[in-house]
């Protein structure tokens, strides 16, 4: 259950990932998924910040830029929100069914650092 809770989308999963990573010393499975969930949350955060800065620059390029920047920012935010929800639900479902799933790049890094 603890490994699954770290994948709750948005800020809650990141906080739980930190808590489980800090408190769980013996269970490698929980530690692996706590760190992997933290890295997944970090990727979504970084992508969000990068796109936010990009569309912020576009918003300051005249009247058309303001419209395009605002609409683009809203669209990317919605897509990132849906992607984080889908990834979280997918990971929680797989862990709940007993599968130990490793994400492509994040999982390799996590495995080396646990």
N, C-alpha and C. Protein backbone atom coordinates (compact mmCIF):
# COMPACT_ATOMS: atom_id res chain seq x y z
N UNK A 1 0.83 -1.19 0.00
CA UNK A 1 0.00 0.00 0.00
C UNK A 1 0.88 1.26 0.00
N UNK A 2 1.96 1.24 0.76
CA UNK A 2 2.83 2.41 0.84
C UNK A 2 3.47 2.71 -0.51
N UNK A 3 3.87 1.67 -1.24
CA UNK A 3 4.48 1.87 -2.55
C UNK A 3 3.48 2.50 -3.51
N UNK A 4 2.24 2.14 -3.37
CA UNK A 4 1.19 2.64 -4.25
C UNK A 4 0.84 4.10 -3.94
N UNK A 5 0.86 4.50 -2.69
CA UNK A 5 0.42 5.85 -2.31
C UNK A 5 1.34 6.96 -2.83
N UNK A 6 2.59 6.65 -3.09
CA UNK A 6 3.52 7.65 -3.61
C UNK A 6 3.15 8.14 -5.00
N UNK A 7 2.33 7.37 -5.71
CA UNK A 7 1.95 7.75 -7.07
C UNK A 7 0.65 8.55 -7.14
N UNK A 8 0.10 8.92 -5.99
CA UNK A 8 -1.08 9.77 -6.01
C UNK A 8 -0.69 11.05 -6.74
N UNK A 9 -1.45 11.43 -7.76
CA UNK A 9 -1.07 12.61 -8.55
C UNK A 9 -1.04 13.89 -7.72
N UNK A 10 -0.32 14.84 -8.23
CA UNK A 10 -0.17 16.18 -7.70
C UNK A 10 0.74 16.17 -6.47
N UNK A 11 0.61 17.14 -5.66
CA UNK A 11 1.53 17.39 -4.55
C UNK A 11 1.47 16.31 -3.47
N UNK A 12 0.33 15.69 -3.29
CA UNK A 12 0.15 14.70 -2.23
C UNK A 12 1.10 13.52 -2.42
N UNK A 13 1.20 13.01 -3.64
CA UNK A 13 2.07 11.88 -3.93
C UNK A 13 3.53 12.22 -3.69
N UNK A 14 3.93 13.43 -4.03
CA UNK A 14 5.32 13.83 -3.82
C UNK A 14 5.65 13.88 -2.33
N UNK A 15 4.74 14.41 -1.55
CA UNK A 15 4.94 14.48 -0.09
C UNK A 15 5.00 13.07 0.49
N UNK A 16 4.09 12.21 0.07
CA UNK A 16 4.10 10.83 0.57
C UNK A 16 5.36 10.09 0.13
N UNK A 17 5.84 10.36 -1.08
CA UNK A 17 7.08 9.76 -1.55
C UNK A 17 8.25 10.13 -0.66
N UNK A 18 8.33 11.40 -0.28
CA UNK A 18 9.40 11.85 0.62
C UNK A 18 9.27 11.17 1.98
N UNK A 19 8.05 11.10 2.50
CA UNK A 19 7.82 10.49 3.80
C UNK A 19 8.23 9.02 3.78
N UNK A 20 7.80 8.27 2.76
CA UNK A 20 8.12 6.85 2.70
C UNK A 20 9.60 6.61 2.44
N UNK A 21 10.22 7.47 1.66
CA UNK A 21 11.65 7.33 1.40
C UNK A 21 12.46 7.59 2.67
N UNK A 22 12.00 8.54 3.48
CA UNK A 22 12.72 8.88 4.71
C UNK A 22 12.47 7.89 5.84
N UNK A 23 11.28 7.33 5.90
CA UNK A 23 10.93 6.49 7.05
C UNK A 23 11.15 5.01 6.80
N UNK A 24 11.01 4.55 5.58
CA UNK A 24 11.14 3.12 5.30
C UNK A 24 12.59 2.77 5.02
N UNK A 25 13.19 2.01 5.92
CA UNK A 25 14.61 1.67 5.78
C UNK A 25 14.82 0.24 5.30
N UNK A 26 13.86 -0.66 5.54
CA UNK A 26 14.07 -2.08 5.27
C UNK A 26 13.43 -2.57 3.98
N UNK A 27 12.31 -2.03 3.59
CA UNK A 27 11.57 -2.54 2.42
C UNK A 27 12.07 -1.87 1.14
N UNK A 28 12.85 -2.62 0.37
CA UNK A 28 13.42 -2.09 -0.88
C UNK A 28 12.34 -1.75 -1.90
N UNK A 29 11.27 -2.54 -1.92
CA UNK A 29 10.16 -2.30 -2.85
C UNK A 29 9.53 -0.93 -2.61
N UNK A 30 9.26 -0.63 -1.37
CA UNK A 30 8.65 0.67 -1.01
C UNK A 30 9.61 1.80 -1.31
N UNK A 31 10.88 1.64 -0.96
CA UNK A 31 11.88 2.68 -1.22
C UNK A 31 12.04 2.94 -2.72
N UNK A 32 12.06 1.86 -3.51
CA UNK A 32 12.18 2.00 -4.96
C UNK A 32 11.03 2.83 -5.51
N UNK A 33 9.82 2.47 -5.14
CA UNK A 33 8.66 3.17 -5.69
C UNK A 33 8.51 4.57 -5.11
N UNK A 34 8.96 4.79 -3.90
CA UNK A 34 8.93 6.15 -3.33
C UNK A 34 9.86 7.06 -4.13
N UNK A 35 11.07 6.59 -4.41
CA UNK A 35 12.01 7.41 -5.18
C UNK A 35 11.56 7.56 -6.63
N UNK A 36 11.08 6.49 -7.22
CA UNK A 36 10.61 6.57 -8.60
C UNK A 36 9.43 7.53 -8.72
N UNK A 37 8.53 7.52 -7.76
CA UNK A 37 7.39 8.44 -7.80
C UNK A 37 7.86 9.89 -7.63
N UNK A 38 8.85 10.09 -6.76
CA UNK A 38 9.39 11.45 -6.60
C UNK A 38 10.01 11.95 -7.89
N UNK A 39 10.76 11.10 -8.55
CA UNK A 39 11.37 11.51 -9.82
C UNK A 39 10.30 11.76 -10.89
N UNK A 40 9.26 10.94 -10.91
CA UNK A 40 8.17 11.16 -11.87
C UNK A 40 7.48 12.49 -11.61
N UNK A 41 7.22 12.78 -10.34
CA UNK A 41 6.62 14.07 -9.99
C UNK A 41 7.57 15.21 -10.39
N UNK A 42 8.86 15.00 -10.19
CA UNK A 42 9.84 16.02 -10.57
C UNK A 42 9.86 16.28 -12.07
N UNK A 43 9.74 15.23 -12.86
CA UNK A 43 9.70 15.40 -14.32
C UNK A 43 8.49 16.23 -14.72
N UNK A 44 7.33 15.91 -14.17
CA UNK A 44 6.14 16.69 -14.49
C UNK A 44 6.29 18.14 -14.05
N UNK A 45 6.92 18.37 -12.90
CA UNK A 45 7.14 19.73 -12.42
C UNK A 45 8.06 20.51 -13.36
N UNK A 46 9.18 19.90 -13.74
CA UNK A 46 10.14 20.58 -14.61
C UNK A 46 9.51 20.89 -15.97
N UNK A 47 8.80 19.93 -16.54
CA UNK A 47 8.14 20.17 -17.84
C UNK A 47 7.12 21.29 -17.71
N UNK A 48 6.40 21.33 -16.61
CA UNK A 48 5.42 22.38 -16.38
C UNK A 48 6.09 23.75 -16.30
N UNK A 49 7.20 23.84 -15.58
CA UNK A 49 7.91 25.11 -15.44
C UNK A 49 8.47 25.58 -16.78
N UNK A 50 9.05 24.66 -17.54
CA UNK A 50 9.63 25.02 -18.84
C UNK A 50 8.55 25.53 -19.78
N UNK A 51 7.45 24.82 -19.89
CA UNK A 51 6.36 25.29 -20.75
C UNK A 51 5.74 26.58 -20.22
N UNK A 52 5.66 26.72 -18.91
CA UNK A 52 5.14 27.95 -18.33
C UNK A 52 5.99 29.15 -18.70
N UNK A 53 7.30 28.99 -18.64
CA UNK A 53 8.20 30.10 -19.03
C UNK A 53 8.08 30.39 -20.52
N UNK A 54 7.99 29.34 -21.33
CA UNK A 54 7.86 29.52 -22.77
C UNK A 54 6.61 30.32 -23.12
N UNK A 55 5.47 29.92 -22.57
CA UNK A 55 4.23 30.62 -22.88
C UNK A 55 4.16 31.99 -22.22
N UNK A 56 4.87 32.19 -21.14
CA UNK A 56 4.95 33.51 -20.53
C UNK A 56 5.66 34.49 -21.46
N UNK A 57 6.72 34.02 -22.12
CA UNK A 57 7.43 34.86 -23.09
C UNK A 57 6.51 35.18 -24.27
N UNK A 58 5.78 34.19 -24.74
CA UNK A 58 4.87 34.41 -25.87
C UNK A 58 3.77 35.40 -25.50
N UNK A 59 3.29 35.35 -24.27
CA UNK A 59 2.23 36.26 -23.83
C UNK A 59 2.64 37.72 -23.93
N UNK A 60 3.91 38.00 -23.88
CA UNK A 60 4.39 39.38 -23.91
C UNK A 60 4.75 39.84 -25.32
N UNK A 61 4.26 39.17 -26.33
CA UNK A 61 4.56 39.52 -27.72
C UNK A 61 3.33 40.10 -28.41
N UNK A 62 2.79 41.09 -27.85
CA UNK A 62 1.66 41.78 -28.47
C UNK A 62 0.33 41.12 -28.17
N UNK A 63 -0.70 41.65 -28.83
CA UNK A 63 -2.07 41.20 -28.58
C UNK A 63 -2.27 39.75 -28.98
N UNK A 64 -1.79 39.37 -30.16
CA UNK A 64 -1.93 37.99 -30.62
C UNK A 64 -1.12 37.04 -29.73
N UNK A 65 0.03 37.49 -29.31
CA UNK A 65 0.87 36.68 -28.42
C UNK A 65 0.19 36.43 -27.08
N UNK A 66 -0.52 37.43 -26.60
CA UNK A 66 -1.23 37.28 -25.32
C UNK A 66 -2.29 36.19 -25.43
N UNK A 67 -3.02 36.20 -26.53
CA UNK A 67 -4.07 35.19 -26.74
C UNK A 67 -3.44 33.82 -26.91
N UNK A 68 -2.44 33.74 -27.80
CA UNK A 68 -1.78 32.47 -28.08
C UNK A 68 -1.07 31.93 -26.84
N UNK A 69 -0.41 32.79 -26.10
CA UNK A 69 0.28 32.37 -24.89
C UNK A 69 -0.66 31.85 -23.83
N UNK A 70 -1.77 32.55 -23.65
CA UNK A 70 -2.74 32.13 -22.64
C UNK A 70 -3.39 30.80 -23.02
N UNK A 71 -3.82 30.68 -24.28
CA UNK A 71 -4.46 29.44 -24.72
C UNK A 71 -3.47 28.27 -24.71
N UNK A 72 -2.24 28.53 -25.15
CA UNK A 72 -1.22 27.48 -25.13
C UNK A 72 -0.90 27.04 -23.72
N UNK A 73 -0.80 27.99 -22.82
CA UNK A 73 -0.52 27.67 -21.42
C UNK A 73 -1.64 26.84 -20.80
N UNK A 74 -2.88 27.21 -21.09
CA UNK A 74 -4.02 26.45 -20.57
C UNK A 74 -4.05 25.04 -21.16
N UNK A 75 -3.78 24.92 -22.45
CA UNK A 75 -3.80 23.60 -23.10
C UNK A 75 -2.70 22.69 -22.55
N UNK A 76 -1.51 23.21 -22.43
CA UNK A 76 -0.40 22.40 -21.91
C UNK A 76 -0.63 22.05 -20.45
N UNK A 77 -1.16 22.98 -19.67
CA UNK A 77 -1.46 22.68 -18.27
C UNK A 77 -2.48 21.56 -18.16
N UNK A 78 -3.51 21.63 -18.98
CA UNK A 78 -4.54 20.58 -18.96
C UNK A 78 -3.96 19.23 -19.38
N UNK A 79 -3.12 19.23 -20.41
CA UNK A 79 -2.51 17.98 -20.87
C UNK A 79 -1.56 17.40 -19.82
N UNK A 80 -0.79 18.24 -19.18
CA UNK A 80 0.11 17.77 -18.13
C UNK A 80 -0.67 17.24 -16.93
N UNK A 81 -1.75 17.90 -16.60
CA UNK A 81 -2.60 17.43 -15.51
C UNK A 81 -3.16 16.04 -15.83
N UNK A 82 -3.71 15.89 -17.04
CA UNK A 82 -4.26 14.60 -17.44
C UNK A 82 -3.18 13.52 -17.52
N UNK A 83 -2.00 13.88 -18.01
CA UNK A 83 -0.90 12.92 -18.10
C UNK A 83 -0.44 12.48 -16.71
N UNK A 84 -0.37 13.41 -15.77
CA UNK A 84 0.05 13.04 -14.42
C UNK A 84 -1.01 12.17 -13.74
N UNK A 85 -2.27 12.47 -13.98
CA UNK A 85 -3.35 11.64 -13.43
C UNK A 85 -3.29 10.24 -14.03
N UNK A 86 -3.13 10.16 -15.34
CA UNK A 86 -3.08 8.85 -16.00
C UNK A 86 -1.88 8.04 -15.54
N UNK A 87 -0.72 8.68 -15.45
CA UNK A 87 0.49 7.98 -15.00
C UNK A 87 0.33 7.49 -13.57
N UNK A 88 -0.21 8.34 -12.71
CA UNK A 88 -0.41 7.95 -11.31
C UNK A 88 -1.38 6.79 -11.17
N UNK A 89 -2.50 6.87 -11.87
CA UNK A 89 -3.50 5.80 -11.79
C UNK A 89 -2.94 4.51 -12.38
N UNK A 90 -2.22 4.61 -13.49
CA UNK A 90 -1.61 3.43 -14.11
C UNK A 90 -0.63 2.76 -13.15
N UNK A 91 0.25 3.55 -12.55
CA UNK A 91 1.25 2.99 -11.64
C UNK A 91 0.58 2.38 -10.40
N UNK A 92 -0.42 3.06 -9.85
CA UNK A 92 -1.09 2.53 -8.67
C UNK A 92 -1.81 1.22 -9.00
N UNK A 93 -2.42 1.14 -10.18
CA UNK A 93 -3.11 -0.07 -10.59
C UNK A 93 -2.14 -1.23 -10.76
N UNK A 94 -1.00 -0.97 -11.39
CA UNK A 94 -0.01 -2.02 -11.61
C UNK A 94 0.58 -2.52 -10.29
N UNK A 95 0.88 -1.61 -9.38
CA UNK A 95 1.44 -2.00 -8.09
C UNK A 95 0.39 -2.76 -7.28
N UNK A 96 -0.86 -2.33 -7.34
CA UNK A 96 -1.93 -3.00 -6.61
C UNK A 96 -2.14 -4.43 -7.11
N UNK A 97 -1.89 -4.66 -8.40
CA UNK A 97 -2.04 -6.01 -8.95
C UNK A 97 -0.80 -6.87 -8.73
N UNK A 98 0.21 -6.32 -8.07
CA UNK A 98 1.39 -7.10 -7.72
C UNK A 98 2.55 -6.97 -8.70
N UNK A 99 2.41 -6.18 -9.73
CA UNK A 99 3.49 -6.00 -10.69
C UNK A 99 4.50 -4.97 -10.17
N UNK A 100 5.75 -5.26 -10.39
CA UNK A 100 6.80 -4.31 -10.04
C UNK A 100 7.23 -3.63 -11.34
N UNK A 101 6.65 -2.49 -11.62
CA UNK A 101 6.89 -1.82 -12.88
C UNK A 101 8.00 -0.79 -12.73
N UNK A 102 8.87 -0.77 -13.73
CA UNK A 102 10.00 0.16 -13.72
C UNK A 102 9.87 1.07 -14.94
N UNK A 103 9.82 2.37 -14.69
CA UNK A 103 9.71 3.34 -15.78
C UNK A 103 11.02 3.38 -16.57
N UNK A 104 10.97 3.69 -17.87
CA UNK A 104 12.14 3.58 -18.74
C UNK A 104 13.41 4.26 -18.23
N UNK A 105 13.48 5.54 -18.12
CA UNK A 105 14.71 6.22 -17.72
C UNK A 105 14.76 6.40 -16.21
N UNK A 106 13.66 6.79 -15.64
CA UNK A 106 13.57 7.04 -14.21
C UNK A 106 13.83 5.76 -13.41
N UNK A 107 13.28 4.65 -13.88
CA UNK A 107 13.45 3.38 -13.18
C UNK A 107 14.89 2.92 -13.13
N UNK A 108 15.62 3.12 -14.22
CA UNK A 108 17.04 2.75 -14.25
C UNK A 108 17.83 3.56 -13.22
N UNK A 109 17.58 4.86 -13.20
CA UNK A 109 18.26 5.74 -12.24
C UNK A 109 17.90 5.35 -10.82
N UNK A 110 16.63 5.07 -10.59
CA UNK A 110 16.15 4.70 -9.26
C UNK A 110 16.79 3.41 -8.79
N UNK A 111 16.85 2.43 -9.68
CA UNK A 111 17.41 1.14 -9.33
C UNK A 111 18.88 1.24 -8.91
N UNK A 112 19.61 2.13 -9.56
CA UNK A 112 21.03 2.32 -9.24
C UNK A 112 21.22 3.07 -7.92
N UNK A 113 20.24 3.85 -7.51
CA UNK A 113 20.41 4.72 -6.34
C UNK A 113 19.62 4.29 -5.12
N UNK A 114 19.04 3.12 -5.14
CA UNK A 114 18.32 2.62 -3.96
C UNK A 114 19.21 1.70 -3.18
